[in-house]
Amino acid sequence: MPTLDEAGLPGFESTLWFGIFAPARTQDALVSKINRDIVEVLRARSNQRELLKQGAEAAPGTPQEFGVFVKSEILKWRKVMNSAGIKPQ
């Protein structure tokens, strides 16, 4: 089977990711605590090994970093939708 580059789709990238979101106006202290707890769990070697067995890789970070990432994903997929003529329904 050819790679996407070999099939004429150079630069194609699509990844599956998961994240935790909180309602708007959630207190910063609560968001920080939840984030610290999640990062601690994701950094545990045993959990990293289990994720790798499933083909996943944890990328813990700050809520601000995640916000930047989500915005970049929105921009990337909006461009794909626009170029393909996909309209939200």
PDB file of N, CA and C in Angstrom:
ATOM      1  N   MET A   1       0.860  -1.167   0.000  1.00  0.00           N
ATOM      2  CA  MET A   1       0.000   0.000   0.000  1.00  0.00           C
ATOM      3  C   MET A   1       0.909   1.233   0.000  1.00  0.00           C
ATOM      4  N   PRO A   2       0.643   2.186  -0.894  1.00  0.00           N
ATOM      5  CA  PRO A   2       1.499   3.382  -0.925  1.00  0.00           C
ATOM      6  C   PRO A   2       1.222   4.301   0.259  1.00  0.00           C
ATOM      7  N   THR A   3       2.225   5.063   0.616  1.00  0.00           N
ATOM      8  CA  THR A   3       2.034   6.087   1.645  1.00  0.00           C
ATOM      9  C   THR A   3       1.167   7.194   1.045  1.00  0.00           C
ATOM     10  N   LEU A   4       0.681   8.089   1.889  1.00  0.00           N
ATOM     11  CA  LEU A   4      -0.116   9.208   1.376  1.00  0.00           C
ATOM     12  C   LEU A   4       0.711  10.089   0.453  1.00  0.00           C
ATOM     13  N   ASP A   5       1.980  10.303   0.787  1.00  0.00           N
ATOM     14  CA  ASP A   5       2.859  11.076  -0.100  1.00  0.00           C
ATOM     15  C   ASP A   5       2.947  10.413  -1.471  1.00  0.00           C
ATOM     16  N   GLU A   6       3.161   9.089  -1.477  1.00  0.00           N
ATOM     17  CA  GLU A   6       3.282   8.347  -2.729  1.00  0.00           C
ATOM     18  C   GLU A   6       1.967   8.341  -3.513  1.00  0.00           C
ATOM     19  N   ALA A   7       0.844   8.463  -2.809  1.00  0.00           N
ATOM     20  CA  ALA A   7      -0.466   8.471  -3.456  1.00  0.00           C
ATOM     21  C   ALA A   7      -0.849   9.863  -3.959  1.00  0.00           C
ATOM     22  N   GLY A   8       0.056  10.827  -3.825  1.00  0.00           N
ATOM     23  CA  GLY A   8      -0.209  12.161  -4.336  1.00  0.00           C
ATOM     24  C   GLY A   8      -0.811  13.117  -3.326  1.00  0.00           C
ATOM     25  N   LEU A   9      -0.710  12.799  -2.057  1.00  0.00           N
ATOM     26  CA  LEU A   9      -1.219  13.673  -1.000  1.00  0.00           C
ATOM     27  C   LEU A   9      -0.093  14.094  -0.062  1.00  0.00           C
ATOM     28  N   PRO A  10       0.894  14.821  -0.590  1.00  0.00           N
ATOM     29  CA  PRO A  10       2.026  15.213   0.267  1.00  0.00           C
ATOM     30  C   PRO A  10       1.572  16.169   1.364  1.00  0.00           C
ATOM     31  N   GLY A  11       2.197  16.015   2.508  1.00  0.00           N
ATOM     32  CA  GLY A  11       1.907  16.912   3.631  1.00  0.00           C
ATOM     33  C   GLY A  11       0.628  16.588   4.372  1.00  0.00           C
ATOM     34  N   PHE A  12      -0.058  15.515   4.002  1.00  0.00           N
ATOM     35  CA  PHE A  12      -1.309  15.155   4.671  1.00  0.00           C
ATOM     36  C   PHE A  12      -1.011  14.722   6.096  1.00  0.00           C
ATOM     37  N   GLU A  13      -1.790  15.241   7.028  1.00  0.00           N
ATOM     38  CA  GLU A  13      -1.631  14.866   8.429  1.00  0.00           C
ATOM     39  C   GLU A  13      -2.997  14.822   9.093  1.00  0.00           C
ATOM     40  N   SER A  14      -3.240  13.727   9.768  1.00  0.00           N
ATOM     41  CA  SER A  14      -4.475  13.606  10.541  1.00  0.00           C
ATOM     42  C   SER A  14      -4.167  12.765  11.770  1.00  0.00           C
ATOM     43  N   THR A  15      -4.459  13.302  12.919  1.00  0.00           N
ATOM     44  CA  THR A  15      -4.237  12.564  14.155  1.00  0.00           C
ATOM     45  C   THR A  15      -5.522  12.553  14.963  1.00  0.00           C
ATOM     46  N   LEU A  16      -5.643  11.567  15.781  1.00  0.00           N
ATOM     47  CA  LEU A  16      -6.767  11.466  16.704  1.00  0.00           C
ATOM     48  C   LEU A  16      -6.268  11.908  18.066  1.00  0.00           C
ATOM     49  N   TRP A  17      -7.000  12.783  18.713  1.00  0.00           N
ATOM     50  CA  TRP A  17      -6.576  13.251  20.029  1.00  0.00           C
ATOM     51  C   TRP A  17      -7.785  13.342  20.949  1.00  0.00           C
ATOM     52  N   PHE A  18      -7.493  13.309  22.215  1.00  0.00           N
ATOM     53  CA  PHE A  18      -8.508  13.438  23.248  1.00  0.00           C
ATOM     54  C   PHE A  18      -8.072  14.532  24.216  1.00  0.00           C
ATOM     55  N   GLY A  19      -9.017  15.218  24.785  1.00  0.00           N
ATOM     56  CA  GLY A  19      -8.702  16.242  25.763  1.00  0.00           C
ATOM     57  C   GLY A  19      -9.858  16.383  26.740  1.00  0.00           C
ATOM     58  N   ILE A  20      -9.579  17.035  27.820  1.00  0.00           N
ATOM     59  CA  ILE A  20     -10.586  17.289  28.847  1.00  0.00           C
ATOM     60  C   ILE A  20     -10.965  18.768  28.776  1.00  0.00           C
ATOM     61  N   PHE A  21     -12.260  19.025  28.703  1.00  0.00           N
ATOM     62  CA  PHE A  21     -12.777  20.391  28.662  1.00  0.00           C
ATOM     63  C   PHE A  21     -13.611  20.649  29.908  1.00  0.00           C
ATOM     64  N   ALA A  22     -13.664  21.892  30.309  1.00  0.00           N
ATOM     65  CA  ALA A  22     -14.493  22.309  31.449  1.00  0.00           C
ATOM     66  C   ALA A  22     -15.469  23.377  30.954  1.00  0.00           C
ATOM     67  N   PRO A  23     -16.563  23.534  31.632  1.00  0.00           N
ATOM     68  CA  PRO A  23     -17.505  24.588  31.240  1.00  0.00           C
ATOM     69  C   PRO A  23     -16.843  25.969  31.306  1.00  0.00           C
ATOM     70  N   ALA A  24     -17.330  26.865  30.465  1.00  0.00           N
ATOM     71  CA  ALA A  24     -16.839  28.247  30.507  1.00  0.00           C
ATOM     72  C   ALA A  24     -17.016  28.795  31.916  1.00  0.00           C
ATOM     73  N   ARG A  25     -16.115  29.643  32.303  1.00  0.00           N
ATOM     74  CA  ARG A  25     -16.129  30.317  33.599  1.00  0.00           C
ATOM     75  C   ARG A  25     -15.865  29.376  34.782  1.00  0.00           C
ATOM     76  N   THR A  26     -15.314  28.177  34.516  1.00  0.00           N
ATOM     77  CA  THR A  26     -14.879  27.322  35.622  1.00  0.00           C
ATOM     78  C   THR A  26     -13.722  28.038  36.314  1.00  0.00           C
ATOM     79  N   GLN A  27     -13.709  28.014  37.628  1.00  0.00           N
ATOM     80  CA  GLN A  27     -12.671  28.720  38.388  1.00  0.00           C
ATOM     81  C   GLN A  27     -11.275  28.226  37.992  1.00  0.00           C
ATOM     82  N   ASP A  28     -10.362  29.187  37.813  1.00  0.00           N
ATOM     83  CA  ASP A  28      -8.989  28.859  37.424  1.00  0.00           C
ATOM     84  C   ASP A  28      -8.331  27.884  38.400  1.00  0.00           C
ATOM     85  N   ALA A  29      -8.597  28.050  39.684  1.00  0.00           N
ATOM     86  CA  ALA A  29      -7.984  27.160  40.684  1.00  0.00           C
ATOM     87  C   ALA A  29      -8.438  25.716  40.477  1.00  0.00           C
ATOM     88  N   LEU A  30      -9.706  25.524  40.134  1.00  0.00           N
ATOM     89  CA  LEU A  30     -10.219  24.176  39.894  1.00  0.00           C
ATOM     90  C   LEU A  30      -9.625  23.595  38.614  1.00  0.00           C
ATOM     91  N   VAL A  31      -9.563  24.400  37.563  1.00  0.00           N
ATOM     92  CA  VAL A  31      -8.952  23.942  36.312  1.00  0.00           C
ATOM     93  C   VAL A  31      -7.506  23.538  36.556  1.00  0.00           C
ATOM     94  N   SER A  32      -6.769  24.332  37.308  1.00  0.00           N
ATOM     95  CA  SER A  32      -5.361  24.023  37.608  1.00  0.00           C
ATOM     96  C   SER A  32      -5.222  22.728  38.384  1.00  0.00           C
ATOM     97  N   LYS A  33      -6.087  22.516  39.370  1.00  0.00           N
ATOM     98  CA  LYS A  33      -6.020  21.281  40.162  1.00  0.00           C
ATOM     99  C   LYS A  33      -6.325  20.056  39.302  1.00  0.00           C
ATOM    100  N   ILE A  34      -7.370  20.148  38.508  1.00  0.00           N
ATOM    101  CA  ILE A  34      -7.730  19.025  37.630  1.00  0.00           C
ATOM    102  C   ILE A  34      -6.574  18.750  36.671  1.00  0.00           C
ATOM    103  N   ASN A  35      -6.003  19.809  36.099  1.00  0.00           N
ATOM    104  CA  ASN A  35      -4.889  19.637  35.183  1.00  0.00           C
ATOM    105  C   ASN A  35      -3.693  18.974  35.859  1.00  0.00           C
ATOM    106  N   ARG A  36      -3.339  19.427  37.065  1.00  0.00           N
ATOM    107  CA  ARG A  36      -2.204  18.812  37.789  1.00  0.00           C
ATOM    108  C   ARG A  36      -2.455  17.327  38.009  1.00  0.00           C
ATOM    109  N   ASP A  37      -3.678  16.980  38.406  1.00  0.00           N
ATOM    110  CA  ASP A  37      -4.004  15.575  38.668  1.00  0.00           C
ATOM    111  C   ASP A  37      -3.923  14.733  37.395  1.00  0.00           C
ATOM    112  N   ILE A  38      -4.450  15.266  36.300  1.00  0.00           N
ATOM    113  CA  ILE A  38      -4.421  14.528  35.034  1.00  0.00           C
ATOM    114  C   ILE A  38      -2.983  14.366  34.544  1.00  0.00           C
ATOM    115  N   VAL A  39      -2.189  15.422  34.631  1.00  0.00           N
ATOM    116  CA  VAL A  39      -0.792  15.350  34.201  1.00  0.00           C
ATOM    117  C   VAL A  39      -0.043  14.303  35.021  1.00  0.00           C
ATOM    118  N   GLU A  40      -0.291  14.269  36.313  1.00  0.00           N
ATOM    119  CA  GLU A  40       0.362  13.269  37.174  1.00  0.00           C
ATOM    120  C   GLU A  40       0.016  11.850  36.721  1.00  0.00           C
ATOM    121  N   VAL A  41      -1.240  11.616  36.422  1.00  0.00           N
ATOM    122  CA  VAL A  41      -1.675  10.286  35.967  1.00  0.00           C
ATOM    123  C   VAL A  41      -1.032   9.952  34.612  1.00  0.00           C
ATOM    124  N   LEU A  42      -1.048  10.904  33.690  1.00  0.00           N
ATOM    125  CA  LEU A  42      -0.499  10.644  32.359  1.00  0.00           C
ATOM    126  C   LEU A  42       1.008  10.448  32.366  1.00  0.00           C
ATOM    127  N   ARG A  43       1.701  11.025  33.319  1.00  0.00           N
ATOM    128  CA  ARG A  43       3.161  10.887  33.376  1.00  0.00           C
ATOM    129  C   ARG A  43       3.610   9.618  34.097  1.00  0.00           C
ATOM    130  N   ALA A  44       2.703   8.929  34.740  1.00  0.00           N
ATOM    131  CA  ALA A  44       3.069   7.673  35.419  1.00  0.00           C
ATOM    132  C   ALA A  44       3.542   6.661  34.370  1.00  0.00           C
ATOM    133  N   ARG A  45       4.699   6.081  34.613  1.00  0.00           N
ATOM    134  CA  ARG A  45       5.286   5.145  33.636  1.00  0.00           C
ATOM    135  C   ARG A  45       4.339   4.012  33.273  1.00  0.00           C
ATOM    136  N   SER A  46       3.641   3.479  34.258  1.00  0.00           N
ATOM    137  CA  SER A  46       2.734   2.363  33.973  1.00  0.00           C
ATOM    138  C   SER A  46       1.620   2.787  33.016  1.00  0.00           C
ATOM    139  N   ASN A  47       1.125   3.991  33.180  1.00  0.00           N
ATOM    140  CA  ASN A  47       0.074   4.475  32.282  1.00  0.00           C
ATOM    141  C   ASN A  47       0.633   4.765  30.897  1.00  0.00           C
ATOM    142  N   GLN A  48       1.852   5.293  30.831  1.00  0.00           N
ATOM    143  CA  GLN A  48       2.480   5.536  29.530  1.00  0.00           C
ATOM    144  C   GLN A  48       2.657   4.230  28.767  1.00  0.00           C
ATOM    145  N   ARG A  49       3.091   3.173  29.484  1.00  0.00           N
ATOM    146  CA  ARG A  49       3.269   1.862  28.844  1.00  0.00           C
ATOM    147  C   ARG A  49       1.941   1.337  28.307  1.00  0.00           C
ATOM    148  N   GLU A  50       0.881   1.461  29.105  1.00  0.00           N
ATOM    149  CA  GLU A  50      -0.438   0.975  28.669  1.00  0.00           C
ATOM    150  C   GLU A  50      -0.936   1.735  27.446  1.00  0.00           C
ATOM    151  N   LEU A  51      -0.735   3.035  27.442  1.00  0.00           N
ATOM    152  CA  LEU A  51      -1.151   3.821  26.280  1.00  0.00           C
ATOM    153  C   LEU A  51      -0.370   3.413  25.034  1.00  0.00           C
ATOM    154  N   LEU A  52       0.946   3.228  25.186  1.00  0.00           N
ATOM    155  CA  LEU A  52       1.765   2.830  24.041  1.00  0.00           C
ATOM    156  C   LEU A  52       1.347   1.477  23.491  1.00  0.00           C
ATOM    157  N   LYS A  53       0.927   0.561  24.351  1.00  0.00           N
ATOM    158  CA  LYS A  53       0.431  -0.741  23.897  1.00  0.00           C
ATOM    159  C   LYS A  53      -0.773  -0.572  22.973  1.00  0.00           C
ATOM    160  N   GLN A  54      -1.531   0.482  23.197  1.00  0.00           N
ATOM    161  CA  GLN A  54      -2.733   0.748  22.409  1.00  0.00           C
ATOM    162  C   GLN A  54      -2.459   1.674  21.227  1.00  0.00           C
ATOM    163  N   GLY A  55      -1.181   2.015  21.045  1.00  0.00           N
ATOM    164  CA  GLY A  55      -0.807   2.889  19.940  1.00  0.00           C
ATOM    165  C   GLY A  55      -1.023   4.355  20.231  1.00  0.00           C
ATOM    166  N   ALA A  56      -1.160   4.706  21.494  1.00  0.00           N
ATOM    167  CA  ALA A  56      -1.403   6.097  21.886  1.00  0.00           C
ATOM    168  C   ALA A  56      -0.195   6.642  22.633  1.00  0.00           C
ATOM    169  N   GLU A  57      -0.082   7.941  22.619  1.00  0.00           N
ATOM    170  CA  GLU A  57       1.004   8.603  23.332  1.00  0.00           C
ATOM    171  C   GLU A  57       0.427   9.806  24.065  1.00  0.00           C
ATOM    172  N   ALA A  58       0.659   9.872  25.356  1.00  0.00           N
ATOM    173  CA  ALA A  58       0.162  10.992  26.158  1.00  0.00           C
ATOM    174  C   ALA A  58       0.987  12.241  25.875  1.00  0.00           C
ATOM    175  N   ALA A  59       0.306  13.377  25.849  1.00  0.00           N
ATOM    176  CA  ALA A  59       0.987  14.659  25.649  1.00  0.00           C
ATOM    177  C   ALA A  59       0.454  15.650  26.674  1.00  0.00           C
ATOM    178  N   PRO A  60       0.754  15.414  27.954  1.00  0.00           N
ATOM    179  CA  PRO A  60       0.228  16.318  28.974  1.00  0.00           C
ATOM    180  C   PRO A  60       0.844  17.704  28.862  1.00  0.00           C
ATOM    181  N   GLY A  61       0.060  18.698  29.212  1.00  0.00           N
ATOM    182  CA  GLY A  61       0.536  20.070  29.165  1.00  0.00           C
ATOM    183  C   GLY A  61      -0.371  20.952  30.000  1.00  0.00           C
ATOM    184  N   THR A  62      -0.255  22.238  29.773  1.00  0.00           N
ATOM    185  CA  THR A  62      -1.052  23.196  30.530  1.00  0.00           C
ATOM    186  C   THR A  62      -2.385  23.457  29.827  1.00  0.00           C
ATOM    187  N   PRO A  63      -3.358  23.997  30.546  1.00  0.00           N
ATOM    188  CA  PRO A  63      -4.614  24.375  29.891  1.00  0.00           C
ATOM    189  C   PRO A  63      -4.381  25.398  28.774  1.00  0.00           C
ATOM    190  N   GLN A  64      -3.435  26.284  28.966  1.00  0.00           N
ATOM    191  CA  GLN A  64      -3.143  27.287  27.942  1.00  0.00           C
ATOM    192  C   GLN A  64      -2.574  26.635  26.675  1.00  0.00           C
ATOM    193  N   GLU A  65      -1.673  25.686  26.851  1.00  0.00           N
ATOM    194  CA  GLU A  65      -1.118  24.970  25.700  1.00  0.00           C
ATOM    195  C   GLU A  65      -2.208  24.212  24.957  1.00  0.00           C
ATOM    196  N   PHE A  66      -3.100  23.597  25.708  1.00  0.00           N
ATOM    197  CA  PHE A  66      -4.193  22.854  25.083  1.00  0.00           C
ATOM    198  C   PHE A  66      -5.109  23.811  24.316  1.00  0.00           C
ATOM    199  N   GLY A  67      -5.366  24.987  24.873  1.00  0.00           N
ATOM    200  CA  GLY A  67      -6.190  25.977  24.186  1.00  0.00           C
ATOM    201  C   GLY A  67      -5.584  26.392  22.857  1.00  0.00           C
ATOM    202  N   VAL A  68      -4.280  26.606  22.836  1.00  0.00           N
ATOM    203  CA  VAL A  68      -3.586  26.966  21.594  1.00  0.00           C
ATOM    204  C   VAL A  68      -3.704  25.824  20.589  1.00  0.00           C
ATOM    205  N   PHE A  69      -3.527  24.585  21.062  1.00  0.00           N
ATOM    206  CA  PHE A  69      -3.626  23.416  20.185  1.00  0.00           C
ATOM    207  C   PHE A  69      -5.027  23.300  19.588  1.00  0.00           C
ATOM    208  N   VAL A  70      -6.053  23.438  20.418  1.00  0.00           N
ATOM    209  CA  VAL A  70      -7.429  23.324  19.930  1.00  0.00           C
ATOM    210  C   VAL A  70      -7.710  24.391  18.875  1.00  0.00           C
ATOM    211  N   LYS A  71      -7.280  25.610  19.117  1.00  0.00           N
ATOM    212  CA  LYS A  71      -7.479  26.683  18.129  1.00  0.00           C
ATOM    213  C   LYS A  71      -6.785  26.352  16.814  1.00  0.00           C
ATOM    214  N   SER A  72      -5.576  25.769  16.894  1.00  0.00           N
ATOM    215  CA  SER A  72      -4.868  25.414  15.661  1.00  0.00           C
ATOM    216  C   SER A  72      -5.593  24.294  14.912  1.00  0.00           C
ATOM    217  N   GLU A  73      -6.180  23.371  15.644  1.00  0.00           N
ATOM    218  CA  GLU A  73      -6.955  22.298  15.010  1.00  0.00           C
ATOM    219  C   GLU A  73      -8.198  22.859  14.317  1.00  0.00           C
ATOM    220  N   ILE A  74      -8.858  23.802  14.948  1.00  0.00           N
ATOM    221  CA  ILE A  74     -10.038  24.425  14.344  1.00  0.00           C
ATOM    222  C   ILE A  74      -9.647  25.104  13.033  1.00  0.00           C
ATOM    223  N   LEU A  75      -8.556  25.854  13.055  1.00  0.00           N
ATOM    224  CA  LEU A  75      -8.107  26.537  11.837  1.00  0.00           C
ATOM    225  C   LEU A  75      -7.737  25.538  10.745  1.00  0.00           C
ATOM    226  N   LYS A  76      -7.027  24.476  11.114  1.00  0.00           N
ATOM    227  CA  LYS A  76      -6.603  23.473  10.137  1.00  0.00           C
ATOM    228  C   LYS A  76      -7.808  22.817   9.476  1.00  0.00           C
ATOM    229  N   TRP A  77      -8.765  22.374  10.271  1.00  0.00           N
ATOM    230  CA  TRP A  77      -9.905  21.647   9.702  1.00  0.00           C
ATOM    231  C   TRP A  77     -10.899  22.583   9.019  1.00  0.00           C
ATOM    232  N   ARG A  78     -10.950  23.844   9.435  1.00  0.00           N
ATOM    233  CA  ARG A  78     -11.776  24.817   8.715  1.00  0.00           C
ATOM    234  C   ARG A  78     -11.236  24.988   7.292  1.00  0.00           C
ATOM    235  N   LYS A  79      -9.913  25.058   7.177  1.00  0.00           N
ATOM    236  CA  LYS A  79      -9.291  25.188   5.854  1.00  0.00           C
ATOM    237  C   LYS A  79      -9.615  23.971   4.990  1.00  0.00           C
ATOM    238  N   VAL A  80      -9.536  22.783   5.567  1.00  0.00           N
ATOM    239  CA  VAL A  80      -9.865  21.561   4.823  1.00  0.00           C
ATOM    240  C   VAL A  80     -11.316  21.599   4.374  1.00  0.00           C
ATOM    241  N   MET A  81     -12.213  21.961   5.284  1.00  0.00           N
ATOM    242  CA  MET A  81     -13.635  22.028   4.938  1.00  0.00           C
ATOM    243  C   MET A  81     -13.892  23.034   3.821  1.00  0.00           C
ATOM    244  N   ASN A  82     -13.282  24.214   3.943  1.00  0.00           N
ATOM    245  CA  ASN A  82     -13.486  25.240   2.925  1.00  0.00           C
ATOM    246  C   ASN A  82     -12.963  24.803   1.567  1.00  0.00           C
ATOM    247  N   SER A  83     -11.781  24.198   1.537  1.00  0.00           N
ATOM    248  CA  SER A  83     -11.203  23.779   0.253  1.00  0.00           C
ATOM    249  C   SER A  83     -11.985  22.628  -0.370  1.00  0.00           C
ATOM    250  N   ALA A  84     -12.632  21.814   0.457  1.00  0.00           N
ATOM    251  CA  ALA A  84     -13.436  20.691  -0.045  1.00  0.00           C
ATOM    252  C   ALA A  84     -14.895  21.068  -0.281  1.00  0.00           C
ATOM    253  N   GLY A  85     -15.252  22.298   0.075  1.00  0.00           N
ATOM    254  CA  GLY A  85     -16.638  22.735  -0.103  1.00  0.00           C
ATOM    255  C   GLY A  85     -17.608  22.109   0.883  1.00  0.00           C
ATOM    256  N   ILE A  86     -17.105  21.696   2.034  1.00  0.00           N
ATOM    257  CA  ILE A  86     -17.960  21.064   3.052  1.00  0.00           C
ATOM    258  C   ILE A  86     -18.655  22.147   3.845  1.00  0.00           C
ATOM    259  N   LYS A  87     -19.950  22.034   3.990  1.00  0.00           N
ATOM    260  CA  LYS A  87     -20.745  23.016   4.740  1.00  0.00           C
ATOM    261  C   LYS A  87     -21.322  22.349   5.996  1.00  0.00           C
ATOM    262  N   PRO A  88     -21.236  23.018   7.150  1.00  0.00           N
ATOM    263  CA  PRO A  88     -21.857  22.465   8.360  1.00  0.00           C
ATOM    264  C   PRO A  88     -23.364  22.337   8.162  1.00  0.00           C
ATOM    265  N   GLN A  89     -23.929  21.323   8.766  1.00  0.00           N
ATOM    266  CA  GLN A  89     -25.372  21.113   8.644  1.00  0.00           C
ATOM    267  C   GLN A  89     -26.021  21.130  10.000  1.00  0.00           C
TER     268      GLN A  89
END
